[in-house]
């Protein structure tokens, strides 16, 4: 089985994630992290911050997976919404604004 790639349908993946299957979560990360990171980066435009938000997003996805409702949309859409909201909250936060001002002042 070594080297054999596992593939899940969305339904199988959701079912396994609801059971807190860590292999399914690894699959989720491996298959969706790149796309979610691109969404984050478009909002924050900082590589390190985008990686931090991505990690936070996956923790939130894992911890709140029981709130996913497939009747309201696809899994990826739900994950993008979580990721976007975290990114926007970060940009709106006072800490982010203060850090951005400090960086701009250093450059000027």
C-alpha atoms as a PDB file:
ATOM      1  CA  UNK A   1       0.000   0.000   0.000  1.00  0.00           C
ATOM      2  CA  UNK A   2       3.008   2.290   0.316  1.00  0.00           C
ATOM      3  CA  UNK A   3       2.923   4.985  -2.337  1.00  0.00           C
ATOM      4  CA  UNK A   4      -0.702   4.268  -3.157  1.00  0.00           C
ATOM      5  CA  UNK A   5      -2.641   7.518  -3.196  1.00  0.00           C
ATOM      6  CA  UNK A   6      -5.958   7.540  -1.364  1.00  0.00           C
ATOM      7  CA  UNK A   7      -8.831   9.395  -2.991  1.00  0.00           C
ATOM      8  CA  UNK A   8     -12.120  10.248  -1.378  1.00  0.00           C
ATOM      9  CA  UNK A   9     -15.363  11.433  -2.861  1.00  0.00           C
ATOM     10  CA  UNK A  10     -16.644  14.566  -1.144  1.00  0.00           C
ATOM     11  CA  UNK A  11     -19.285  12.475   0.600  1.00  0.00           C
ATOM     12  CA  UNK A  12     -16.702   9.980   1.908  1.00  0.00           C
ATOM     13  CA  UNK A  13     -14.421  12.780   3.007  1.00  0.00           C
ATOM     14  CA  UNK A  14     -17.197  14.560   4.902  1.00  0.00           C
ATOM     15  CA  UNK A  15     -18.251  11.315   6.562  1.00  0.00           C
ATOM     16  CA  UNK A  16     -14.701  10.550   7.684  1.00  0.00           C
ATOM     17  CA  UNK A  17     -14.099  14.102   8.894  1.00  0.00           C
ATOM     18  CA  UNK A  18     -17.265  13.961  10.982  1.00  0.00           C
ATOM     19  CA  UNK A  19     -15.707  10.891  12.637  1.00  0.00           C
ATOM     20  CA  UNK A  20     -12.529  12.944  13.319  1.00  0.00           C
ATOM     21  CA  UNK A  21     -10.491  10.711  10.984  1.00  0.00           C
ATOM     22  CA  UNK A  22      -6.984  12.209  10.958  1.00  0.00           C
ATOM     23  CA  UNK A  23      -6.024  10.534   7.676  1.00  0.00           C
ATOM     24  CA  UNK A  24      -9.010  12.248   6.041  1.00  0.00           C
ATOM     25  CA  UNK A  25      -7.927  15.558   7.563  1.00  0.00           C
ATOM     26  CA  UNK A  26      -4.432  15.110   6.123  1.00  0.00           C
ATOM     27  CA  UNK A  27      -6.038  14.417   2.750  1.00  0.00           C
ATOM     28  CA  UNK A  28      -8.161  17.551   3.154  1.00  0.00           C
ATOM     29  CA  UNK A  29      -5.071  19.629   3.900  1.00  0.00           C
ATOM     30  CA  UNK A  30      -3.011  18.144   1.083  1.00  0.00           C
ATOM     31  CA  UNK A  31      -5.765  18.720  -1.470  1.00  0.00           C
ATOM     32  CA  UNK A  32      -7.106  22.115  -0.416  1.00  0.00           C
ATOM     33  CA  UNK A  33      -4.293  24.036   1.319  1.00  0.00           C
ATOM     34  CA  UNK A  34      -2.898  25.480  -1.913  1.00  0.00           C
ATOM     35  CA  UNK A  35      -6.222  26.884  -3.079  1.00  0.00           C
ATOM     36  CA  UNK A  36      -7.086  28.245   0.366  1.00  0.00           C
ATOM     37  CA  UNK A  37      -3.648  29.823   0.716  1.00  0.00           C
ATOM     38  CA  UNK A  38      -4.187  31.627  -2.601  1.00  0.00           C
ATOM     39  CA  UNK A  39      -7.494  33.023  -1.299  1.00  0.00           C
ATOM     40  CA  UNK A  40      -5.781  34.246   1.877  1.00  0.00           C
ATOM     41  CA  UNK A  41      -2.814  35.749   0.039  1.00  0.00           C
ATOM     42  CA  UNK A  42      -5.096  37.814  -2.195  1.00  0.00           C
ATOM     43  CA  UNK A  43      -6.480  39.428   0.945  1.00  0.00           C
ATOM     44  CA  UNK A  44      -3.406  39.855   3.179  1.00  0.00           C
ATOM     45  CA  UNK A  45      -0.596  39.976   0.576  1.00  0.00           C
ATOM     46  CA  UNK A  46       2.016  38.726   3.072  1.00  0.00           C
ATOM     47  CA  UNK A  47       3.411  35.206   2.723  1.00  0.00           C
ATOM     48  CA  UNK A  48       4.126  34.523   6.407  1.00  0.00           C
ATOM     49  CA  UNK A  49       0.826  35.978   7.577  1.00  0.00           C
ATOM     50  CA  UNK A  50      -1.028  33.974   4.918  1.00  0.00           C
ATOM     51  CA  UNK A  51       0.611  30.778   6.213  1.00  0.00           C
ATOM     52  CA  UNK A  52      -0.405  31.641   9.791  1.00  0.00           C
ATOM     53  CA  UNK A  53      -3.998  32.275   8.742  1.00  0.00           C
ATOM     54  CA  UNK A  54      -4.037  29.029   6.744  1.00  0.00           C
ATOM     55  CA  UNK A  55      -2.971  27.095   9.828  1.00  0.00           C
ATOM     56  CA  UNK A  56      -5.619  28.868  11.908  1.00  0.00           C
ATOM     57  CA  UNK A  57      -8.238  28.160   9.233  1.00  0.00           C
ATOM     58  CA  UNK A  58      -7.510  24.430   9.241  1.00  0.00           C
ATOM     59  CA  UNK A  59      -7.687  24.335  13.037  1.00  0.00           C
ATOM     60  CA  UNK A  60     -11.050  26.069  12.853  1.00  0.00           C
ATOM     61  CA  UNK A  61     -12.246  23.682  10.118  1.00  0.00           C
ATOM     62  CA  UNK A  62     -11.201  20.669  12.207  1.00  0.00           C
ATOM     63  CA  UNK A  63     -12.712  21.977  15.447  1.00  0.00           C
ATOM     64  CA  UNK A  64     -15.970  23.123  13.862  1.00  0.00           C
ATOM     65  CA  UNK A  65     -16.519  20.435  11.267  1.00  0.00           C
ATOM     66  CA  UNK A  66     -19.833  19.368  12.788  1.00  0.00           C
ATOM     67  CA  UNK A  67     -21.229  22.783  11.767  1.00  0.00           C
ATOM     68  CA  UNK A  68     -20.694  21.974   8.065  1.00  0.00           C
ATOM     69  CA  UNK A  69     -24.080  21.476   6.382  1.00  0.00           C
ATOM     70  CA  UNK A  70     -23.851  19.920   2.927  1.00  0.00           C
ATOM     71  CA  UNK A  71     -27.386  21.107   2.114  1.00  0.00           C
ATOM     72  CA  UNK A  72     -26.078  24.703   2.221  1.00  0.00           C
ATOM     73  CA  UNK A  73     -23.179  24.199  -0.167  1.00  0.00           C
ATOM     74  CA  UNK A  74     -20.094  22.244  -1.074  1.00  0.00           C
ATOM     75  CA  UNK A  75     -17.294  21.510   1.359  1.00  0.00           C
ATOM     76  CA  UNK A  76     -14.800  23.698  -0.503  1.00  0.00           C
ATOM     77  CA  UNK A  77     -17.190  26.670  -0.450  1.00  0.00           C
ATOM     78  CA  UNK A  78     -17.652  26.281   3.309  1.00  0.00           C
ATOM     79  CA  UNK A  79     -13.877  26.144   3.812  1.00  0.00           C
ATOM     80  CA  UNK A  80     -13.309  29.192   1.582  1.00  0.00           C
ATOM     81  CA  UNK A  81     -15.840  31.163   3.624  1.00  0.00           C
ATOM     82  CA  UNK A  82     -14.078  30.284   6.893  1.00  0.00           C
ATOM     83  CA  UNK A  83     -10.730  31.179   5.359  1.00  0.00           C
ATOM     84  CA  UNK A  84     -11.952  34.457   3.866  1.00  0.00           C
ATOM     85  CA  UNK A  85     -13.582  35.525   7.118  1.00  0.00           C
ATOM     86  CA  UNK A  86     -10.401  34.815   9.099  1.00  0.00           C
ATOM     87  CA  UNK A  87      -8.363  36.757   6.550  1.00  0.00           C
ATOM     88  CA  UNK A  88     -10.689  39.749   6.588  1.00  0.00           C
ATOM     89  CA  UNK A  89     -10.840  39.721  10.402  1.00  0.00           C
ATOM     90  CA  UNK A  90      -7.034  39.744  10.483  1.00  0.00           C
ATOM     91  CA  UNK A  91      -6.785  42.685   8.079  1.00  0.00           C
ATOM     92  CA  UNK A  92      -9.378  44.627  10.086  1.00  0.00           C
ATOM     93  CA  UNK A  93      -7.671  43.936  13.415  1.00  0.00           C
ATOM     94  CA  UNK A  94      -5.877  46.749  15.213  1.00  0.00           C
ATOM     95  CA  UNK A  95      -2.694  44.674  15.500  1.00  0.00           C
ATOM     96  CA  UNK A  96      -2.501  44.174  11.746  1.00  0.00           C
ATOM     97  CA  UNK A  97      -3.117  47.861  11.036  1.00  0.00           C
ATOM     98  CA  UNK A  98      -0.481  48.875  13.568  1.00  0.00           C
ATOM     99  CA  UNK A  99       2.068  46.408  12.130  1.00  0.00           C
ATOM    100  CA  UNK A 100       1.353  47.605   8.575  1.00  0.00           C
ATOM    101  CA  UNK A 101       1.856  51.237   9.605  1.00  0.00           C
ATOM    102  CA  UNK A 102       5.174  50.388  11.287  1.00  0.00           C
ATOM    103  CA  UNK A 103       6.349  48.599   8.128  1.00  0.00           C
ATOM    104  CA  UNK A 104       5.273  51.509   5.903  1.00  0.00           C
ATOM    105  CA  UNK A 105       7.050  54.004   8.182  1.00  0.00           C
ATOM    106  CA  UNK A 106      10.272  51.946   8.025  1.00  0.00           C
ATOM    107  CA  UNK A 107      10.150  51.879   4.232  1.00  0.00           C
ATOM    108  CA  UNK A 108       9.518  55.644   3.898  1.00  0.00           C
END
